[in-house]
Amino acid sequence: MNVKFYLIVGLVVLFFVACGPTTSYSTPFFRFSGVVNSNGDTLKAFTVGHDTLRMDTVKQYDAVTFNLIMDGGYNYLTKFNIILSDTVNTRIEYPQYDALGNVFSTSKSNFNRNRFVFGVNLVQLPMSFRYIIINKPVTTPVITLEVSNDAVFPTNKSGSNTYSFKLRTPIK
């Protein structure tokens, strides 16, 4: 009986020692839960490159609502940026603008320039924003979305703690 007891205790100790402290690292990513224009039509997106999507054509004076989820994988989200290629003819609005200060650091973020630094530890964040086309631009506008997490990749592992992609939005 003592042999079985010590064998079980030894296996349990070995199990916990073998696991040891681990460091997780993963590249963050986005998931879209819907892209809808002001008429309530769902817009499709098509892959046109490694990091570029082309959306269905939208009209001048249209507003496109993006519902997305930022996901840090196993790590905390640290930064989120929206970069517009045309800030004269397009703009971004946030339906829950007042709530942004609850999640993002108001001292480090620049809400007017669409640059956000997380003020709380979150692994995932659902967020909505509206992309408004004021005038028809000369070139096809591009929205670049970037998200970063606190992952630190060891030298023997490939990966990045930042993910970005571009959305091209043709306008008629």
Protein backbone atom coordinates (compact mmCIF):
# COMPACT_ATOMS: atom_id res chain seq x y z
CA MET A 1 0.00 0.00 0.00
CA ASN A 2 2.85 2.42 0.82
CA VAL A 3 4.42 1.71 -2.56
CA LYS A 4 1.20 2.64 -4.39
CA PHE A 5 0.81 5.79 -2.30
CA TYR A 6 4.38 6.96 -2.96
CA LEU A 7 4.10 6.06 -6.63
CA ILE A 8 0.94 8.16 -7.01
CA VAL A 9 2.45 11.09 -5.07
CA GLY A 10 5.61 10.84 -7.18
CA LEU A 11 3.63 10.92 -10.43
CA VAL A 12 1.58 13.91 -9.26
CA VAL A 13 4.75 15.80 -8.28
CA LEU A 14 6.39 14.88 -11.59
CA PHE A 15 3.30 16.10 -13.46
CA PHE A 16 3.39 19.53 -11.79
CA VAL A 17 7.16 19.91 -12.09
CA ALA A 18 7.14 18.89 -15.76
CA CYS A 19 4.51 21.50 -16.59
CA GLY A 20 6.41 24.32 -14.89
CA PRO A 21 5.71 27.97 -15.61
CA THR A 22 5.03 28.63 -19.26
CA THR A 23 5.00 31.74 -21.37
CA SER A 24 2.35 31.96 -24.03
CA TYR A 25 2.72 34.06 -27.11
CA SER A 26 0.45 34.48 -30.06
CA THR A 27 -0.15 36.94 -32.85
CA PRO A 28 -3.29 39.05 -32.38
CA PHE A 29 -6.03 39.04 -34.99
CA PHE A 30 -9.41 40.52 -35.96
CA ARG A 31 -12.74 38.79 -36.44
CA PHE A 32 -15.59 40.56 -38.20
CA SER A 33 -19.07 39.92 -36.91
CA GLY A 34 -20.67 42.09 -39.56
CA VAL A 35 -20.09 44.90 -42.04
CA VAL A 36 -23.32 46.76 -42.86
CA ASN A 37 -24.01 49.92 -44.86
CA SER A 38 -26.56 52.60 -43.94
CA ASN A 39 -29.31 50.77 -45.90
CA GLY A 40 -28.83 47.68 -43.71
CA ASP A 41 -27.18 45.68 -46.51
CA THR A 42 -24.39 43.32 -45.50
CA LEU A 43 -21.21 44.03 -47.42
CA LYS A 44 -18.90 41.29 -48.58
CA ALA A 45 -15.12 41.44 -48.58
CA PHE A 46 -12.83 39.73 -51.07
CA THR A 47 -9.16 38.86 -50.60
CA VAL A 48 -6.95 40.74 -53.08
CA GLY A 49 -3.57 40.17 -51.48
CA HIS A 50 -1.80 38.73 -48.47
CA ASP A 51 -2.95 41.51 -46.16
CA THR A 52 -5.63 43.30 -48.19
CA LEU A 53 -9.38 42.89 -48.53
CA ARG A 54 -11.59 44.67 -51.06
CA MET A 55 -15.10 45.43 -49.90
CA ASP A 56 -18.24 45.68 -51.98
CA THR A 57 -18.66 49.08 -53.61
CA VAL A 58 -20.25 51.75 -51.44
CA LYS A 59 -21.86 55.06 -52.44
CA GLN A 60 -20.92 58.63 -51.69
CA TYR A 61 -22.53 59.84 -48.41
CA ASP A 62 -22.86 56.23 -47.26
CA ALA A 63 -21.92 55.07 -43.77
CA VAL A 64 -20.50 51.59 -43.25
CA THR A 65 -20.69 50.07 -39.77
CA PHE A 66 -17.93 47.63 -38.85
CA ASN A 67 -18.54 45.22 -35.98
CA LEU A 68 -15.28 43.53 -35.15
CA ILE A 69 -13.62 41.64 -32.36
CA MET A 70 -9.99 42.29 -31.55
CA ASP A 71 -8.39 39.14 -30.17
CA GLY A 72 -4.99 39.03 -28.49
CA GLY A 73 -4.86 35.23 -28.54
CA TYR A 74 -3.35 34.24 -25.19
CA ASN A 75 -2.00 37.73 -24.52
CA TYR A 76 -3.34 41.12 -23.45
CA LEU A 77 -4.19 43.68 -26.11
CA THR A 78 -1.97 46.78 -25.95
CA LYS A 79 -2.72 49.04 -28.97
CA PHE A 80 -5.33 49.53 -31.67
CA ASN A 81 -5.04 51.92 -34.63
CA ILE A 82 -7.25 52.86 -37.54
CA ILE A 83 -5.37 54.63 -40.32
CA LEU A 84 -7.31 56.30 -43.14
CA SER A 85 -5.58 56.92 -46.45
CA ASP A 86 -7.99 59.81 -47.15
CA THR A 87 -8.86 61.95 -44.13
CA VAL A 88 -10.45 64.70 -46.24
CA ASN A 89 -13.23 62.68 -47.88
CA THR A 90 -13.72 59.96 -45.24
CA ARG A 91 -13.93 59.84 -41.45
CA ILE A 92 -14.50 57.44 -38.57
CA GLU A 93 -17.20 57.73 -35.87
CA TYR A 94 -17.60 55.64 -32.74
CA PRO A 95 -21.19 54.92 -31.63
CA GLN A 96 -20.04 54.26 -28.06
CA TYR A 97 -17.57 57.20 -27.97
CA ASP A 98 -18.26 57.97 -24.30
CA ALA A 99 -17.31 54.42 -23.31
CA LEU A 100 -13.89 54.51 -25.02
CA GLY A 101 -12.30 56.03 -21.89
CA ASN A 102 -13.36 52.94 -19.89
CA VAL A 103 -11.17 50.66 -22.01
CA PHE A 104 -8.47 52.87 -23.49
CA SER A 105 -6.01 55.09 -21.64
CA THR A 106 -7.17 58.66 -22.09
CA SER A 107 -3.68 60.03 -21.37
CA LYS A 108 -1.90 57.84 -23.93
CA SER A 109 -4.56 57.50 -26.64
CA ASN A 110 -5.45 60.02 -29.30
CA PHE A 111 -9.14 59.40 -30.00
CA ASN A 112 -9.29 62.10 -32.68
CA ARG A 113 -6.50 60.42 -34.66
CA ASN A 114 -7.90 56.89 -34.15
CA ARG A 115 -4.91 55.72 -32.12
CA PHE A 116 -5.75 53.81 -28.97
CA VAL A 117 -3.66 52.41 -26.10
CA PHE A 118 -5.41 49.92 -23.84
CA GLY A 119 -5.77 51.06 -20.24
CA VAL A 120 -7.08 47.74 -18.92
CA ASN A 121 -5.96 44.14 -19.39
CA LEU A 122 -8.19 42.55 -22.03
CA VAL A 123 -7.64 39.53 -24.23
CA GLN A 124 -10.65 40.27 -26.46
CA LEU A 125 -12.64 43.39 -27.22
CA PRO A 126 -15.74 43.69 -29.41
CA MET A 127 -15.95 47.13 -31.00
CA SER A 128 -18.05 48.99 -33.53
CA PHE A 129 -17.18 51.98 -35.63
CA ARG A 130 -18.73 53.79 -38.59
CA TYR A 131 -16.77 54.65 -41.71
CA ILE A 132 -18.40 57.64 -43.38
CA ILE A 133 -17.81 58.67 -46.98
CA ILE A 134 -18.26 62.45 -47.17
CA ASN A 135 -17.24 63.06 -50.78
CA LYS A 136 -16.19 60.79 -53.61
CA PRO A 137 -12.38 60.65 -53.47
CA VAL A 138 -10.15 60.58 -56.53
CA THR A 139 -8.51 57.30 -55.54
CA THR A 140 -9.93 54.24 -53.79
CA PRO A 141 -9.66 54.88 -50.04
CA VAL A 142 -7.92 52.36 -47.81
CA ILE A 143 -8.56 51.70 -44.12
CA THR A 144 -5.65 50.08 -42.28
CA LEU A 145 -6.50 48.30 -39.03
CA GLU A 146 -3.69 47.45 -36.62
CA VAL A 147 -3.77 45.63 -33.29
CA SER A 148 -0.91 44.75 -30.93
CA ASN A 149 -0.61 42.54 -27.87
CA ASP A 150 2.01 42.08 -25.15
CA ALA A 151 3.48 38.85 -26.55
CA VAL A 152 7.27 38.56 -26.54
CA PHE A 153 8.40 35.89 -28.99
CA PRO A 154 11.59 33.97 -28.22
CA THR A 155 14.33 34.14 -30.82
CA ASN A 156 13.70 30.54 -31.91
CA LYS A 157 9.98 31.16 -32.61
CA SER A 158 8.58 33.11 -35.52
CA GLY A 159 5.69 35.48 -35.04
CA SER A 160 4.75 39.04 -34.32
CA ASN A 161 2.87 40.83 -31.59
CA THR A 162 1.29 43.16 -34.17
CA TYR A 163 -1.21 42.34 -36.89
CA SER A 164 -2.52 44.69 -39.55
CA PHE A 165 -4.51 44.49 -42.71
CA LYS A 166 -6.00 46.86 -45.26
CA LEU A 167 -9.57 47.29 -46.45
CA ARG A 168 -10.01 48.87 -49.87
CA THR A 169 -13.40 50.54 -50.26
CA PRO A 170 -14.36 51.33 -53.88
CA ILE A 171 -16.86 54.21 -54.07
CA LYS A 172 -19.31 55.01 -56.88
